[in-house]
Amino acid sequence: MLDELRRSRAFLQDSDARVAIADLIASSPSAKPVETLAPSNTIADAQKILLALAGNSSLALLHGRVDSRERVAVESRLKALRHPDAGLFMTSSGSTGEPKLMLLETERIISHAQAVNTHLSAHSGDCWLACLPFYHVGGMAILPRAVLSGASVRITGNANAAELSRIIDEEPITLASLVPTVLRRLIAVRNGRPFPDRLRAILVGGGPVPLNLTEQVPQALRTYGMTEAGSMVTCVSLAADAAERASSGRAIGGAAVRVVNDEFQDLPCGETGRILVQSAGMVSGYVDDVNQTALVFCEGWIASEDVGLLDSSGCLHVLGRKDRIIISGGENIALDEIESALRELPDIREAACIGLEDEEWGQIVAAAVEAERSSLSSEWVSMLRERLPGFKLPRRILTTGSLPHLPNGKLDYRAVRELFLNQ
């Protein structure tokens, strides 16, 4: 990758500077072995990440809310590794559980970036919008993709929807990667105004992607992936028909998907089960956690916690996470389905559903919604009755002006639970 950096004519740019990628080699030393970095989205951070890859050294990317205790804990674990391989140490986002540490090896990062570039027909005339945090795999992965294709990168961090919309309109952005929440806010800010034609693709993943989002934005391509896989595993194609656009697409180059039952036997098309994946960028396991590795990695496959199905065209349909399905009164309820229904109701900007313990039902659905007025709760429930059976209706609704999110834009379900517990 060092040669690609030296030859690159592309640029990293933010609101204050524009730096040739090739110039980074001359201006900075190679990264130290297993140096730790809690990046914000700056040229300097991108520089350190690319230098680690180019120099075949190691760099640990810590999440944006890391405190001193967590930093010390991670550094202690890394020091215990006698001969760490080259690459980027990253953690899972930890939106529902404790983050796990893993190593994305340099060669696999490069192989995966090449596969994504092929899928997107990426070229040197492209300009990526990098607004996802670099400690999130979806944000970091933009950098090697750009280097390998010769594309430029427009870096921005903590930008609101209005500023992102301005950048997309006024700057030569052709590719972007967003989480659903950010795309939803962009749609609201633009108020029906289409995105510019030069914007060829907006990758949308990192959580359930409601169909009504991609229906409103022709450039929006659903993806499915995870940190353990090096980012995306499947993606809707650029020339997809309506049926494919309603899915998360087919496996990209170097990747594969299976849907299995509880005995890990493959299920026929159309049947729902657990999603297993492979990819060119997949990690080999979790750092210093043999037990967790054995639970997730099996015979070359990553056993996700997601539930879905494959259709007759080989497209993946993701229905939700196993840990996002509760049992209430003996009925299985997918919380993601209820969130999607809530988001389609008037006056609701965002919704987050969790399961709360209940003596009578075992668990009940509790919905926190982002809206201006709480007085509409009864109206929302009435509207939901037209979309959902009675046993799926939220039994508690909490209205807030702003739902809690992780720094990468995903909903923070642990913080949502605290909202109900603190009522």
Protein backbone atom coordinates (compact mmCIF):
# COMPACT_ATOMS: atom_id res chain seq x y z
CA MET A 1 0.00 0.00 0.00
CA LEU A 2 3.02 2.27 0.42
CA ASP A 3 3.45 2.42 -3.37
CA GLU A 4 -0.20 3.42 -3.86
CA LEU A 5 0.23 6.23 -1.34
CA ARG A 6 3.34 7.52 -3.08
CA ARG A 7 1.67 7.45 -6.49
CA SER A 8 -1.68 8.85 -5.42
CA ARG A 9 -2.77 12.14 -6.91
CA ALA A 10 -5.82 12.30 -4.67
CA PHE A 11 -6.45 14.58 -1.73
CA LEU A 12 -7.70 14.51 1.82
CA GLN A 13 -9.65 17.66 2.50
CA ASP A 14 -11.66 19.18 5.33
CA SER A 15 -13.03 22.62 6.03
CA ASP A 16 -9.58 24.04 6.79
CA ALA A 17 -7.06 22.23 4.61
CA ARG A 18 -6.42 20.21 1.46
CA VAL A 19 -3.48 17.79 1.54
CA ALA A 20 -2.17 15.49 -1.19
CA ILE A 21 -2.19 11.90 0.05
CA ALA A 22 1.27 11.30 -1.44
CA ASP A 23 2.71 14.19 0.60
CA LEU A 24 1.83 12.38 3.82
CA ILE A 25 4.72 9.96 3.33
CA ALA A 26 7.36 12.70 3.22
CA SER A 27 5.91 14.70 6.10
CA SER A 28 5.35 12.04 8.78
CA PRO A 29 7.16 9.09 10.29
CA SER A 30 5.67 5.62 10.30
CA ALA A 31 3.23 4.81 13.08
CA LYS A 32 4.68 3.16 16.19
CA PRO A 33 3.79 -0.50 16.84
CA VAL A 34 0.35 -0.71 18.44
CA GLU A 35 0.03 3.01 19.00
CA THR A 36 -3.43 3.97 20.24
CA LEU A 37 -5.54 6.71 18.71
CA ALA A 38 -9.01 8.01 19.55
CA PRO A 39 -9.61 9.71 16.20
CA SER A 40 -11.89 12.53 15.33
CA ASN A 41 -12.39 13.14 11.63
CA THR A 42 -9.38 15.23 10.76
CA ILE A 43 -6.70 15.06 8.09
CA ALA A 44 -4.14 14.31 10.82
CA ASP A 45 -6.11 11.25 11.96
CA ALA A 46 -6.56 10.01 8.40
CA GLN A 47 -2.84 10.48 7.94
CA LYS A 48 -2.00 8.26 10.93
CA ILE A 49 -4.37 5.53 9.75
CA LEU A 50 -2.97 5.50 6.21
CA LEU A 51 0.61 5.57 7.45
CA ALA A 52 -0.03 2.55 9.66
CA LEU A 53 -1.36 0.67 6.64
CA ALA A 54 1.40 1.89 4.33
CA GLY A 55 4.12 1.19 6.87
CA ASN A 56 2.76 -2.29 7.64
CA SER A 57 2.56 -1.41 11.34
CA SER A 58 -0.23 -1.56 13.93
CA LEU A 59 -2.60 1.12 15.20
CA ALA A 60 -5.47 0.77 17.65
CA LEU A 61 -8.50 2.96 16.92
CA LEU A 62 -10.40 3.72 20.12
CA HIS A 63 -14.04 4.80 20.10
CA GLY A 64 -14.86 8.48 20.39
CA ARG A 65 -16.10 8.38 23.98
CA VAL A 66 -13.12 6.50 25.40
CA ASP A 67 -12.15 7.56 28.92
CA SER A 68 -8.77 7.17 30.63
CA ARG A 69 -9.79 3.91 32.31
CA GLU A 70 -10.84 2.33 29.03
CA ARG A 71 -7.72 3.56 27.25
CA VAL A 72 -5.49 2.03 29.90
CA ALA A 73 -7.42 -1.24 29.73
CA VAL A 74 -7.04 -1.50 25.95
CA GLU A 75 -3.38 -0.53 26.03
CA SER A 76 -2.76 -3.17 28.69
CA ARG A 77 -4.38 -5.84 26.51
CA LEU A 78 -2.34 -4.76 23.50
CA LYS A 79 0.95 -4.80 25.42
CA ALA A 80 0.25 -8.42 26.35
CA LEU A 81 0.41 -9.37 22.65
CA ARG A 82 3.95 -10.55 21.99
CA HIS A 83 3.98 -10.30 18.21
CA PRO A 84 0.97 -8.34 16.97
CA ASP A 85 0.26 -8.56 13.25
CA ALA A 86 0.17 -5.42 11.14
CA GLY A 87 -3.18 -3.73 10.78
CA LEU A 88 -5.82 -1.78 12.65
CA PHE A 89 -7.15 -2.85 16.03
CA MET A 90 -10.80 -1.85 16.32
CA THR A 91 -13.73 -2.45 18.65
CA SER A 92 -17.32 -3.30 17.88
CA SER A 93 -19.65 -0.36 18.41
CA GLY A 94 -21.10 -1.73 21.65
CA SER A 95 -24.61 -0.35 21.07
CA THR A 96 -26.21 -3.26 22.94
CA GLY A 97 -23.31 -4.97 24.72
CA GLU A 98 -19.67 -4.61 25.72
CA PRO A 99 -17.32 -3.76 22.81
CA LYS A 100 -14.97 -6.51 21.62
CA LEU A 101 -11.41 -5.87 20.41
CA MET A 102 -10.32 -7.28 17.02
CA LEU A 103 -7.56 -6.89 14.46
CA LEU A 104 -8.22 -6.01 10.83
CA GLU A 105 -5.05 -7.15 9.08
CA THR A 106 -3.58 -4.82 6.46
CA GLU A 107 -3.69 -7.29 3.58
CA ARG A 108 -7.33 -8.09 4.30
CA ILE A 109 -8.23 -4.40 4.53
CA ILE A 110 -6.72 -3.88 1.08
CA SER A 111 -8.45 -6.93 -0.43
CA HIS A 112 -11.79 -5.81 0.96
CA ALA A 113 -11.32 -2.23 -0.27
CA GLN A 114 -10.62 -3.53 -3.77
CA ALA A 115 -13.80 -5.62 -3.70
CA VAL A 116 -15.90 -2.61 -2.67
CA ASN A 117 -14.29 -0.44 -5.35
CA THR A 118 -15.14 -3.04 -7.97
CA HIS A 119 -18.75 -3.20 -6.79
CA LEU A 120 -19.10 0.59 -6.95
CA SER A 121 -17.06 1.02 -10.17
CA ALA A 122 -14.94 3.47 -8.18
CA HIS A 123 -12.40 5.57 -10.11
CA SER A 124 -9.94 8.44 -9.72
CA GLY A 125 -12.60 11.03 -10.47
CA ASP A 126 -14.62 10.11 -7.39
CA CYS A 127 -14.76 12.09 -4.16
CA TRP A 128 -15.86 10.31 -0.99
CA LEU A 129 -17.73 12.12 1.77
CA ALA A 130 -16.25 10.81 5.04
CA CYS A 131 -18.61 11.82 7.83
CA LEU A 132 -18.74 8.50 9.73
CA PRO A 133 -16.12 8.46 12.51
CA PHE A 134 -12.82 6.81 11.63
CA TYR A 135 -12.98 4.54 14.68
CA HIS A 136 -16.10 3.05 13.09
CA VAL A 137 -15.27 0.49 10.38
CA GLY A 138 -17.62 2.17 7.91
CA GLY A 139 -15.70 5.43 8.28
CA MET A 140 -12.18 4.01 8.33
CA ALA A 141 -12.80 1.81 5.28
CA ILE A 142 -13.29 4.87 3.06
CA LEU A 143 -9.60 5.75 3.34
CA PRO A 144 -8.05 2.61 1.76
CA ARG A 145 -10.82 2.54 -0.86
CA ALA A 146 -9.90 6.06 -1.89
CA VAL A 147 -6.17 5.35 -2.01
CA LEU A 148 -6.61 2.25 -4.16
CA SER A 149 -8.94 3.95 -6.65
CA GLY A 150 -7.18 7.33 -6.63
CA ALA A 151 -10.32 9.03 -5.34
CA SER A 152 -10.30 12.07 -3.07
CA VAL A 153 -11.81 12.21 0.41
CA ARG A 154 -13.79 15.11 1.87
CA ILE A 155 -13.46 14.73 5.64
CA THR A 156 -15.96 16.18 8.06
CA GLY A 157 -16.78 15.38 11.65
CA ASN A 158 -19.81 16.13 13.80
CA ALA A 159 -21.49 17.97 10.94
CA ASN A 160 -25.22 18.52 11.24
CA ALA A 161 -27.62 17.59 8.47
CA ALA A 162 -27.78 21.12 7.07
CA GLU A 163 -23.98 21.31 6.74
CA LEU A 164 -23.76 17.84 5.18
CA SER A 165 -26.46 18.83 2.71
CA ARG A 166 -24.52 21.98 1.78
CA ILE A 167 -21.32 19.99 1.25
CA ILE A 168 -23.14 17.51 -0.99
CA ASP A 169 -24.65 20.34 -3.04
CA GLU A 170 -21.62 22.59 -3.36
CA GLU A 171 -18.65 20.20 -3.44
CA PRO A 172 -17.87 17.41 -5.96
CA ILE A 173 -19.08 14.52 -3.78
CA THR A 174 -19.82 11.34 -5.76
CA LEU A 175 -19.81 8.64 -3.03
CA ALA A 176 -20.95 8.66 0.59
CA SER A 177 -21.51 6.23 3.44
CA LEU A 178 -24.20 6.99 6.02
CA VAL A 179 -26.18 5.38 8.82
CA PRO A 180 -30.00 5.49 8.46
CA THR A 181 -30.45 8.22 11.07
CA VAL A 182 -28.20 10.64 9.18
CA LEU A 183 -29.88 9.91 5.85
CA ARG A 184 -33.29 10.49 7.44
CA ARG A 185 -32.14 13.87 8.74
CA LEU A 186 -30.71 14.80 5.36
CA ILE A 187 -34.02 13.98 3.68
CA ALA A 188 -35.86 16.16 6.19
CA VAL A 189 -33.47 19.09 5.71
CA ARG A 190 -33.70 18.89 1.93
CA ASN A 191 -37.51 18.89 2.11
CA GLY A 192 -38.11 17.06 -1.15
CA ARG A 193 -35.14 18.52 -3.02
CA PRO A 194 -33.29 15.70 -4.83
CA PHE A 195 -29.60 14.98 -4.35
CA PRO A 196 -27.34 16.08 -7.23
CA ASP A 197 -26.98 13.64 -10.12
CA ARG A 198 -23.18 13.46 -9.70
CA LEU A 199 -23.74 11.71 -6.32
CA ARG A 200 -23.64 8.16 -7.68
CA ALA A 201 -24.10 6.13 -4.50
CA ILE A 202 -24.97 6.57 -0.84
CA LEU A 203 -24.15 3.40 1.08
CA VAL A 204 -26.65 3.01 3.93
CA GLY A 205 -26.01 0.48 6.67
CA GLY A 206 -24.95 0.05 10.27
CA GLY A 207 -28.50 -0.84 11.36
CA PRO A 208 -31.98 -1.56 10.03
CA VAL A 209 -32.65 0.51 6.90
CA PRO A 210 -36.36 1.32 6.45
CA LEU A 211 -37.58 0.85 2.89
CA ASN A 212 -39.17 4.30 2.81
CA LEU A 213 -35.68 5.86 3.12
CA THR A 214 -34.22 4.19 0.05
CA GLU A 215 -37.46 4.75 -1.87
CA GLN A 216 -37.00 8.51 -1.45
CA VAL A 217 -33.34 8.55 -2.58
CA PRO A 218 -32.49 6.71 -5.82
CA GLN A 219 -28.76 6.82 -5.00
CA ALA A 220 -29.25 5.13 -1.60
CA LEU A 221 -27.94 1.55 -1.64
CA ARG A 222 -28.68 -0.70 1.31
CA THR A 223 -25.69 -2.60 2.64
CA TYR A 224 -25.15 -5.24 5.30
CA GLY A 225 -21.90 -5.75 7.15
CA MET A 226 -20.09 -5.65 10.47
CA THR A 227 -16.73 -4.80 11.99
CA GLU A 228 -15.79 -8.49 12.12
CA ALA A 229 -16.20 -8.67 8.32
CA GLY A 230 -14.16 -5.54 7.61
CA SER A 231 -17.35 -3.55 6.81
CA MET A 232 -19.80 -4.45 4.04
CA VAL A 233 -20.66 -8.02 3.05
CA THR A 234 -23.63 -7.37 0.78
CA CYS A 235 -24.68 -4.29 -1.14
CA VAL A 236 -27.40 -3.36 -3.61
CA SER A 237 -25.95 -2.91 -7.09
CA LEU A 238 -25.79 0.44 -8.88
CA ALA A 239 -28.24 -0.74 -11.56
CA ALA A 240 -30.60 -2.61 -9.19
CA ASP A 241 -34.28 -3.10 -9.96
CA ALA A 242 -37.03 -2.41 -7.41
CA ALA A 243 -36.94 -5.96 -6.02
CA GLU A 244 -33.21 -5.81 -5.27
CA ARG A 245 -33.49 -2.30 -3.81
CA ALA A 246 -35.97 -3.68 -1.27
CA SER A 247 -33.21 -5.97 0.01
CA SER A 248 -29.66 -5.50 1.32
CA GLY A 249 -28.29 -6.78 -1.99
CA ARG A 250 -26.09 -9.71 -2.91
CA ALA A 251 -22.66 -10.63 -1.54
CA ILE A 252 -19.89 -8.49 -3.02
CA GLY A 253 -16.66 -9.98 -4.40
CA GLY A 254 -14.79 -12.15 -1.92
CA ALA A 255 -17.84 -12.41 0.33
CA ALA A 256 -20.56 -15.00 0.92
CA VAL A 257 -23.76 -15.28 2.94
CA ARG A 258 -25.68 -18.22 4.42
CA VAL A 259 -28.92 -18.40 6.39
CA VAL A 260 -29.05 -21.32 8.83
CA ASN A 261 -31.24 -22.86 11.54
CA ASP A 262 -30.26 -23.45 15.17
CA GLU A 263 -28.27 -26.53 14.10
CA PHE A 264 -26.34 -24.41 11.56
CA GLN A 265 -27.99 -26.21 8.65
CA ASP A 266 -28.63 -24.14 5.53
CA LEU A 267 -32.24 -23.08 5.05
CA PRO A 268 -34.07 -22.90 1.71
CA CYS A 269 -34.69 -19.54 0.03
CA GLY A 270 -37.41 -17.58 1.77
CA GLU A 271 -36.99 -19.21 5.19
CA THR A 272 -35.87 -17.10 8.14
CA GLY A 273 -32.79 -17.96 10.16
CA ARG A 274 -29.46 -16.79 11.49
CA ILE A 275 -27.14 -14.96 9.09
CA LEU A 276 -23.60 -16.30 8.57
CA VAL A 277 -21.06 -14.37 6.52
CA GLN A 278 -17.59 -14.45 5.00
CA SER A 279 -15.63 -11.62 3.42
CA ALA A 280 -12.19 -10.76 2.08
CA GLY A 281 -11.75 -8.40 5.04
CA MET A 282 -12.93 -10.64 7.88
CA VAL A 283 -10.94 -10.88 11.10
CA SER A 284 -9.76 -14.22 12.45
CA GLY A 285 -11.24 -13.74 15.91
CA TYR A 286 -11.32 -11.51 18.98
CA VAL A 287 -8.10 -10.41 20.61
CA ASP A 288 -7.28 -12.44 23.77
CA ASP A 289 -10.85 -13.81 23.98
CA VAL A 290 -10.80 -17.47 22.97
CA ASN A 291 -14.26 -18.23 24.35
CA GLN A 292 -16.03 -15.44 22.50
CA THR A 293 -14.12 -16.27 19.33
CA ALA A 294 -15.34 -19.88 19.52
CA LEU A 295 -18.93 -18.67 19.81
CA VAL A 296 -18.81 -16.38 16.78
CA PHE A 297 -16.22 -17.81 14.36
CA CYS A 298 -16.89 -21.31 13.05
CA GLU A 299 -15.20 -23.11 10.15
CA GLY A 300 -14.39 -19.92 8.27
CA TRP A 301 -17.75 -18.24 8.88
CA ILE A 302 -18.85 -15.41 11.16
CA ALA A 303 -22.07 -16.28 12.98
CA SER A 304 -23.86 -12.96 13.30
CA GLU A 305 -26.58 -12.14 15.79
CA ASP A 306 -28.81 -11.07 12.91
CA VAL A 307 -31.88 -12.81 11.53
CA GLY A 308 -32.83 -12.74 7.87
CA LEU A 309 -33.53 -14.68 4.68
CA LEU A 310 -32.19 -15.10 1.16
CA ASP A 311 -34.59 -14.68 -1.74
CA SER A 312 -34.53 -16.66 -5.01
CA SER A 313 -32.20 -14.06 -6.56
CA GLY A 314 -29.61 -14.44 -3.81
CA CYS A 315 -30.43 -11.10 -2.21
CA LEU A 316 -30.25 -10.83 1.56
CA HIS A 317 -33.19 -9.50 3.58
CA VAL A 318 -32.20 -8.55 7.13
CA LEU A 319 -35.11 -8.73 9.56
CA GLY A 320 -33.36 -7.72 12.78
CA ARG A 321 -31.03 -8.89 15.52
CA LYS A 322 -31.67 -11.99 17.59
CA ASP A 323 -31.25 -9.85 20.70
CA ARG A 324 -33.80 -7.41 19.25
CA ILE A 325 -36.56 -10.03 19.40
CA ILE A 326 -38.54 -10.29 22.64
CA ILE A 327 -41.22 -12.70 23.81
CA SER A 328 -44.37 -11.08 25.17
CA GLY A 329 -47.25 -13.28 26.25
CA GLY A 330 -45.71 -16.16 24.31
CA GLU A 331 -45.46 -14.17 21.05
CA ASN A 332 -42.18 -13.35 19.31
CA ILE A 333 -41.90 -9.62 18.57
CA ALA A 334 -39.19 -8.05 16.40
CA LEU A 335 -38.49 -4.62 17.87
CA ASP A 336 -37.02 -3.34 14.59
CA GLU A 337 -40.38 -3.92 12.86
CA ILE A 338 -42.14 -1.71 15.39
CA GLU A 339 -39.51 1.00 15.07
CA SER A 340 -40.00 1.05 11.30
CA ALA A 341 -43.76 1.38 11.73
CA LEU A 342 -43.36 4.24 14.21
CA ARG A 343 -41.03 6.16 11.89
CA GLU A 344 -43.72 6.23 9.23
CA LEU A 345 -46.16 8.05 11.51
CA PRO A 346 -46.62 11.83 11.32
CA ASP A 347 -44.63 14.02 13.74
CA ILE A 348 -42.20 11.22 14.68
CA ARG A 349 -38.63 11.98 13.60
CA GLU A 350 -37.00 8.89 15.14
CA ALA A 351 -37.99 5.88 17.26
CA ALA A 352 -36.19 3.38 19.48
CA CYS A 353 -37.88 0.29 20.93
CA ILE A 354 -36.68 -1.91 23.76
CA GLY A 355 -38.14 -4.78 25.77
CA LEU A 356 -38.93 -4.17 29.44
CA GLU A 357 -39.54 -6.88 32.02
CA ASP A 358 -43.20 -7.27 33.00
CA GLU A 359 -44.80 -9.56 35.60
CA GLU A 360 -47.88 -10.31 33.53
CA TRP A 361 -46.47 -10.56 29.99
CA GLY A 362 -42.85 -11.48 30.64
CA GLN A 363 -41.71 -8.60 28.46
CA ILE A 364 -43.45 -5.62 26.92
CA VAL A 365 -42.57 -3.26 24.09
CA ALA A 366 -41.47 0.20 25.23
CA ALA A 367 -41.01 2.87 22.57
CA ALA A 368 -39.06 6.10 22.93
CA VAL A 369 -39.90 8.51 20.13
CA GLU A 370 -38.27 11.75 19.04
CA ALA A 371 -41.10 14.26 18.59
CA GLU A 372 -42.18 17.69 19.72
CA ARG A 373 -45.46 16.73 21.42
CA SER A 374 -46.20 13.83 23.75
CA SER A 375 -49.96 14.43 23.56
CA LEU A 376 -50.12 12.43 20.32
CA SER A 377 -49.32 9.07 21.96
CA SER A 378 -52.88 7.76 21.81
CA GLU A 379 -53.18 8.84 18.15
CA TRP A 380 -49.94 7.03 17.29
CA VAL A 381 -51.18 3.83 18.91
CA SER A 382 -54.42 4.07 16.91
CA MET A 383 -52.46 4.48 13.70
CA LEU A 384 -50.21 1.55 14.59
CA ARG A 385 -53.29 -0.69 14.95
CA GLU A 386 -53.73 -0.34 11.19
CA ARG A 387 -50.18 -1.61 10.61
CA LEU A 388 -49.49 -4.08 13.41
CA PRO A 389 -51.39 -6.78 15.33
CA GLY A 390 -52.44 -5.81 18.84
CA PHE A 391 -49.80 -7.88 20.66
CA LYS A 392 -47.01 -5.87 18.95
CA LEU A 393 -48.24 -2.45 20.04
CA PRO A 394 -46.03 -0.52 22.48
CA ARG A 395 -47.40 -0.62 25.99
CA ARG A 396 -45.25 2.32 27.05
CA ILE A 397 -44.38 5.36 24.92
CA LEU A 398 -41.92 8.01 26.03
CA THR A 399 -41.54 11.22 24.04
CA THR A 400 -38.29 13.16 23.96
CA GLY A 401 -36.96 16.04 21.92
CA SER A 402 -33.80 14.10 21.07
CA LEU A 403 -33.02 10.39 21.32
CA PRO A 404 -29.55 9.33 22.48
CA HIS A 405 -27.14 8.21 19.75
CA LEU A 406 -23.66 6.74 19.72
CA PRO A 407 -20.95 8.89 18.10
CA ASN A 408 -21.27 6.84 14.88
CA GLY A 409 -24.93 7.85 14.54
CA LYS A 410 -26.50 4.58 15.69
CA LEU A 411 -29.18 4.59 18.38
CA ASP A 412 -27.77 4.03 21.87
CA TYR A 413 -30.17 1.41 23.24
CA ARG A 414 -28.51 1.23 26.63
CA ALA A 415 -29.11 4.96 27.08
CA VAL A 416 -32.70 4.52 25.83
CA ARG A 417 -33.27 1.89 28.52
CA GLU A 418 -31.98 4.35 31.12
CA LEU A 419 -34.63 6.87 29.98
CA PHE A 420 -37.37 4.42 30.97
CA LEU A 421 -35.69 3.29 34.18
CA ASN A 422 -35.25 6.91 35.29
CA GLN A 423 -38.90 7.89 34.68
